[in-house]
Structures are given as C-alpha cells and as structure tokens.
Amino acid sequence: MNKSELIQMLSNRTKMTKADSSRAVDALFNPTNGIVTDTLKKGDKVQITGFGTFETRERKARTGRNPRTGREIKIGPTTSASFRPGKALKDNVKPSKR
C-alpha cells in the first residue's frame, strides 16, 4: 500500500473527504514536520497501545570496510528511527494455525 492508497482507504472508512484524509495522513507521517517526526526529533517516543512504538535508536561509532577496496573505514555514531510492533498488531498479522 502506498500513500495515495492509504489516503483513499482512510477516506472510505471514515467518510472524510480525500482532501481531509490527505491532510490527516500528512499531519501524522510527513517526514519533515509530521507529528511522529517532531516527537522523535525531541527525543520522545510515540506509543500507540496495541499497534506499536516509534522511537529513536542510537548506534555507536564503529569500524567498517569499504566493499570496493577492502580498507577499514570509521563510521560515526548515528541516530535512526525505528518501529516496534505491539502485541495486538503482531497477533493479528500472524498467519492463523490450520
């Protein structure tokens, strides 16, 4: 599912207009200034009970290898966004036992 399909599905389920659905999706997930992004930038996490948690993870500096030359390179510390699914989401996505 891509963004436009998500907007269409949200519009159908909530009876919102497509324009309103688009604004809602952008308000939450815009990578520049969405609610989730702004919260993660502050160092906080977004926890949606049953669905999952968006949070930042710190990765320490490490030594890697340039795949082309094989030489060692230093890779600096990084911070990245991650998502941990909640129990209800995991349980509902799991294939059913037959």
N, C-alpha and C. Protein backbone atom coordinates (compact mmCIF):
# COMPACT_ATOMS: atom_id res chain seq x y z
N MET A 1 0.84 -1.17 0.00
CA MET A 1 0.00 0.00 0.00
C MET A 1 0.89 1.24 0.00
N ASN A 2 0.58 2.16 -0.88
CA ASN A 2 1.33 3.41 -0.91
C ASN A 2 0.50 4.52 -0.26
N LYS A 3 1.04 5.72 -0.24
CA LYS A 3 0.39 6.83 0.45
C LYS A 3 -0.98 7.15 -0.13
N SER A 4 -1.10 7.19 -1.45
CA SER A 4 -2.40 7.52 -2.04
C SER A 4 -3.44 6.44 -1.75
N GLU A 5 -3.02 5.19 -1.70
CA GLU A 5 -3.95 4.11 -1.35
C GLU A 5 -4.37 4.22 0.12
N LEU A 6 -3.44 4.59 0.98
CA LEU A 6 -3.75 4.79 2.39
C LEU A 6 -4.76 5.92 2.55
N ILE A 7 -4.55 7.01 1.84
CA ILE A 7 -5.47 8.16 1.90
C ILE A 7 -6.86 7.74 1.42
N GLN A 8 -6.93 6.99 0.32
CA GLN A 8 -8.21 6.54 -0.21
C GLN A 8 -8.92 5.63 0.79
N MET A 9 -8.19 4.70 1.40
CA MET A 9 -8.79 3.78 2.36
C MET A 9 -9.27 4.52 3.61
N LEU A 10 -8.49 5.48 4.09
CA LEU A 10 -8.90 6.29 5.24
C LEU A 10 -10.17 7.07 4.91
N SER A 11 -10.22 7.63 3.72
CA SER A 11 -11.38 8.38 3.27
C SER A 11 -12.63 7.49 3.23
N ASN A 12 -12.48 6.27 2.72
CA ASN A 12 -13.61 5.35 2.64
C ASN A 12 -14.10 4.91 4.02
N ARG A 13 -13.18 4.63 4.92
CA ARG A 13 -13.56 4.12 6.24
C ARG A 13 -14.14 5.18 7.16
N THR A 14 -13.69 6.42 7.01
CA THR A 14 -14.12 7.47 7.94
C THR A 14 -15.15 8.41 7.34
N LYS A 15 -15.43 8.26 6.06
CA LYS A 15 -16.34 9.16 5.33
C LYS A 15 -15.81 10.59 5.28
N MET A 16 -14.48 10.74 5.48
CA MET A 16 -13.84 12.04 5.32
C MET A 16 -13.62 12.25 3.83
N THR A 17 -13.46 13.50 3.43
CA THR A 17 -13.12 13.75 2.03
C THR A 17 -11.68 13.29 1.81
N LYS A 18 -11.33 13.10 0.54
CA LYS A 18 -9.95 12.71 0.25
C LYS A 18 -8.98 13.79 0.68
N ALA A 19 -9.37 15.06 0.53
CA ALA A 19 -8.51 16.17 0.92
C ALA A 19 -8.27 16.16 2.43
N ASP A 20 -9.33 15.92 3.21
CA ASP A 20 -9.19 15.85 4.67
C ASP A 20 -8.33 14.66 5.07
N SER A 21 -8.54 13.53 4.40
CA SER A 21 -7.74 12.33 4.69
C SER A 21 -6.27 12.58 4.38
N SER A 22 -6.01 13.27 3.29
CA SER A 22 -4.63 13.58 2.90
C SER A 22 -3.97 14.47 3.95
N ARG A 23 -4.70 15.46 4.43
CA ARG A 23 -4.15 16.35 5.46
C ARG A 23 -3.90 15.59 6.76
N ALA A 24 -4.77 14.64 7.09
CA ALA A 24 -4.60 13.85 8.31
C ALA A 24 -3.35 12.96 8.21
N VAL A 25 -3.18 12.30 7.08
CA VAL A 25 -2.01 11.44 6.88
C VAL A 25 -0.74 12.28 6.91
N ASP A 26 -0.76 13.43 6.24
CA ASP A 26 0.41 14.31 6.25
C ASP A 26 0.72 14.83 7.66
N ALA A 27 -0.32 15.18 8.41
CA ALA A 27 -0.10 15.70 9.76
C ALA A 27 0.59 14.66 10.64
N LEU A 28 0.29 13.39 10.43
CA LEU A 28 0.91 12.34 11.22
C LEU A 28 2.28 11.93 10.70
N PHE A 29 2.38 11.68 9.39
CA PHE A 29 3.54 10.98 8.86
C PHE A 29 4.48 11.79 7.98
N ASN A 30 4.25 13.08 7.82
CA ASN A 30 5.14 13.88 6.98
C ASN A 30 6.56 13.78 7.53
N PRO A 31 7.54 13.40 6.68
CA PRO A 31 8.90 13.21 7.19
C PRO A 31 9.61 14.50 7.59
N THR A 32 9.08 15.63 7.19
CA THR A 32 9.70 16.90 7.53
C THR A 32 9.13 17.50 8.81
N ASN A 33 7.79 17.55 8.89
CA ASN A 33 7.18 18.22 10.04
C ASN A 33 5.92 17.50 10.54
N GLY A 34 5.85 16.20 10.38
CA GLY A 34 4.72 15.44 10.88
C GLY A 34 4.81 15.27 12.39
N ILE A 35 3.71 14.88 12.99
CA ILE A 35 3.65 14.72 14.44
C ILE A 35 4.65 13.65 14.91
N VAL A 36 4.70 12.53 14.21
CA VAL A 36 5.64 11.47 14.60
C VAL A 36 7.08 11.96 14.50
N THR A 37 7.41 12.62 13.40
CA THR A 37 8.77 13.13 13.20
C THR A 37 9.15 14.15 14.26
N ASP A 38 8.26 15.11 14.52
CA ASP A 38 8.55 16.14 15.51
C ASP A 38 8.77 15.54 16.90
N THR A 39 7.97 14.54 17.25
CA THR A 39 8.11 13.90 18.55
C THR A 39 9.44 13.16 18.66
N LEU A 40 9.83 12.46 17.59
CA LEU A 40 11.10 11.73 17.61
C LEU A 40 12.28 12.70 17.65
N LYS A 41 12.18 13.83 16.97
CA LYS A 41 13.25 14.84 16.99
C LYS A 41 13.50 15.35 18.41
N LYS A 42 12.43 15.44 19.20
CA LYS A 42 12.56 15.91 20.59
C LYS A 42 13.17 14.85 21.49
N GLY A 43 13.29 13.63 20.98
CA GLY A 43 13.85 12.55 21.78
C GLY A 43 12.79 11.73 22.50
N ASP A 44 11.53 12.02 22.24
CA ASP A 44 10.44 11.27 22.85
C ASP A 44 10.03 10.13 21.93
N LYS A 45 9.17 9.25 22.44
CA LYS A 45 8.68 8.17 21.59
C LYS A 45 7.18 8.31 21.42
N VAL A 46 6.67 7.72 20.35
CA VAL A 46 5.23 7.72 20.07
C VAL A 46 4.75 6.30 20.30
N GLN A 47 3.93 6.13 21.33
CA GLN A 47 3.46 4.80 21.69
C GLN A 47 1.95 4.73 21.46
N ILE A 48 1.54 3.83 20.56
CA ILE A 48 0.14 3.63 20.27
C ILE A 48 -0.20 2.23 20.77
N THR A 49 -0.89 2.17 21.89
CA THR A 49 -1.17 0.90 22.57
C THR A 49 -1.79 -0.11 21.61
N GLY A 50 -1.21 -1.29 21.57
CA GLY A 50 -1.70 -2.36 20.71
C GLY A 50 -1.11 -2.32 19.31
N PHE A 51 -0.79 -1.13 18.81
CA PHE A 51 -0.25 -1.00 17.46
C PHE A 51 1.26 -1.07 17.47
N GLY A 52 1.90 -0.21 18.26
CA GLY A 52 3.35 -0.25 18.32
C GLY A 52 3.95 1.05 18.80
N THR A 53 5.28 1.10 18.76
CA THR A 53 6.03 2.25 19.27
C THR A 53 7.04 2.72 18.24
N PHE A 54 7.00 4.01 17.95
CA PHE A 54 8.02 4.66 17.14
C PHE A 54 9.01 5.27 18.12
N GLU A 55 10.30 5.01 17.92
CA GLU A 55 11.31 5.58 18.80
C GLU A 55 12.62 5.75 18.05
N THR A 56 13.55 6.47 18.67
CA THR A 56 14.87 6.62 18.06
C THR A 56 15.82 5.64 18.72
N ARG A 57 16.78 5.20 17.95
CA ARG A 57 17.81 4.30 18.46
C ARG A 57 19.17 4.89 18.14
N GLU A 58 20.04 4.81 19.12
CA GLU A 58 21.41 5.29 18.96
C GLU A 58 22.28 4.13 18.51
N ARG A 59 23.13 4.38 17.55
CA ARG A 59 24.09 3.36 17.11
C ARG A 59 25.48 3.92 17.36
N LYS A 60 26.30 3.18 18.05
CA LYS A 60 27.64 3.65 18.41
C LYS A 60 28.54 3.73 17.17
N ALA A 61 29.61 4.50 17.30
CA ALA A 61 30.61 4.57 16.24
C ALA A 61 31.24 3.18 16.09
N ARG A 62 31.63 2.86 14.89
CA ARG A 62 32.21 1.53 14.65
C ARG A 62 33.14 1.57 13.46
N THR A 63 33.85 0.48 13.26
CA THR A 63 34.75 0.35 12.14
C THR A 63 34.09 -0.54 11.10
N GLY A 64 34.10 -0.10 9.85
CA GLY A 64 33.53 -0.90 8.76
C GLY A 64 34.56 -1.11 7.68
N ARG A 65 34.13 -1.68 6.59
CA ARG A 65 35.03 -1.92 5.45
C ARG A 65 34.42 -1.33 4.19
N ASN A 66 35.28 -0.70 3.41
CA ASN A 66 34.86 -0.23 2.10
C ASN A 66 34.75 -1.48 1.22
N PRO A 67 33.56 -1.79 0.69
CA PRO A 67 33.41 -3.02 -0.08
C PRO A 67 34.21 -3.03 -1.38
N ARG A 68 34.53 -1.86 -1.89
CA ARG A 68 35.27 -1.79 -3.15
C ARG A 68 36.76 -2.05 -2.94
N THR A 69 37.31 -1.43 -1.88
CA THR A 69 38.77 -1.54 -1.68
C THR A 69 39.14 -2.50 -0.56
N GLY A 70 38.20 -2.80 0.33
CA GLY A 70 38.50 -3.66 1.46
C GLY A 70 39.17 -2.92 2.61
N ARG A 71 39.42 -1.63 2.47
CA ARG A 71 40.07 -0.85 3.53
C ARG A 71 39.09 -0.59 4.67
N GLU A 72 39.65 -0.50 5.87
CA GLU A 72 38.82 -0.17 7.03
C GLU A 72 38.46 1.30 6.99
N ILE A 73 37.23 1.60 7.38
CA ILE A 73 36.77 2.99 7.47
C ILE A 73 36.09 3.17 8.82
N LYS A 74 36.10 4.40 9.31
CA LYS A 74 35.43 4.71 10.57
C LYS A 74 34.03 5.22 10.24
N ILE A 75 33.06 4.64 10.90
CA ILE A 75 31.67 5.06 10.73
C ILE A 75 31.24 5.72 12.03
N GLY A 76 30.78 6.95 11.94
CA GLY A 76 30.42 7.72 13.13
C GLY A 76 29.12 7.24 13.75
N PRO A 77 28.83 7.74 14.93
CA PRO A 77 27.57 7.37 15.60
C PRO A 77 26.38 7.93 14.82
N THR A 78 25.28 7.20 14.85
CA THR A 78 24.08 7.65 14.15
C THR A 78 22.85 7.46 15.04
N THR A 79 21.84 8.22 14.73
CA THR A 79 20.54 8.07 15.38
C THR A 79 19.54 7.79 14.27
N SER A 80 18.72 6.77 14.45
CA SER A 80 17.73 6.46 13.42
C SER A 80 16.39 6.16 14.07
N ALA A 81 15.35 6.30 13.28
CA ALA A 81 14.01 6.00 13.75
C ALA A 81 13.76 4.50 13.61
N SER A 82 13.01 3.96 14.56
CA SER A 82 12.67 2.55 14.47
C SER A 82 11.22 2.36 14.93
N PHE A 83 10.66 1.23 14.56
CA PHE A 83 9.29 0.90 14.93
C PHE A 83 9.28 -0.49 15.54
N ARG A 84 8.65 -0.61 16.68
CA ARG A 84 8.48 -1.91 17.34
C ARG A 84 6.99 -2.21 17.38
N PRO A 85 6.54 -3.26 16.70
CA PRO A 85 5.11 -3.55 16.69
C PRO A 85 4.62 -3.99 18.07
N GLY A 86 3.37 -3.64 18.38
CA GLY A 86 2.75 -4.05 19.63
C GLY A 86 2.22 -5.47 19.54
N LYS A 87 1.84 -6.02 20.69
CA LYS A 87 1.37 -7.40 20.75
C LYS A 87 0.12 -7.61 19.89
N ALA A 88 -0.84 -6.71 19.97
CA ALA A 88 -2.08 -6.88 19.20
C ALA A 88 -1.80 -6.89 17.70
N LEU A 89 -0.91 -6.02 17.24
CA LEU A 89 -0.56 -5.98 15.82
C LEU A 89 0.13 -7.28 15.42
N LYS A 90 1.08 -7.73 16.23
CA LYS A 90 1.79 -8.97 15.91
C LYS A 90 0.83 -10.15 15.87
N ASP A 91 -0.08 -10.20 16.84
CA ASP A 91 -1.03 -11.31 16.89
C ASP A 91 -1.98 -11.32 15.69
N ASN A 92 -2.39 -10.14 15.23
CA ASN A 92 -3.33 -10.05 14.12
C ASN A 92 -2.68 -10.25 12.75
N VAL A 93 -1.38 -10.06 12.67
CA VAL A 93 -0.67 -10.23 11.41
C VAL A 93 -0.19 -11.67 11.23
N LYS A 94 -0.02 -12.36 12.35
CA LYS A 94 0.45 -13.75 12.32
C LYS A 94 -0.50 -14.61 11.49
N PRO A 95 0.06 -15.50 10.67
CA PRO A 95 -0.83 -16.40 9.94
C PRO A 95 -1.56 -17.32 10.92
N SER A 96 -2.81 -17.59 10.63
CA SER A 96 -3.59 -18.45 11.53
C SER A 96 -3.13 -19.90 11.41
N LYS A 97 -3.20 -20.61 12.53
CA LYS A 97 -2.83 -22.03 12.52
C LYS A 97 -3.98 -22.82 11.94
N ARG A 98 -3.64 -23.78 11.13
CA ARG A 98 -4.70 -24.58 10.49
C ARG A 98 -4.82 -25.91 11.14
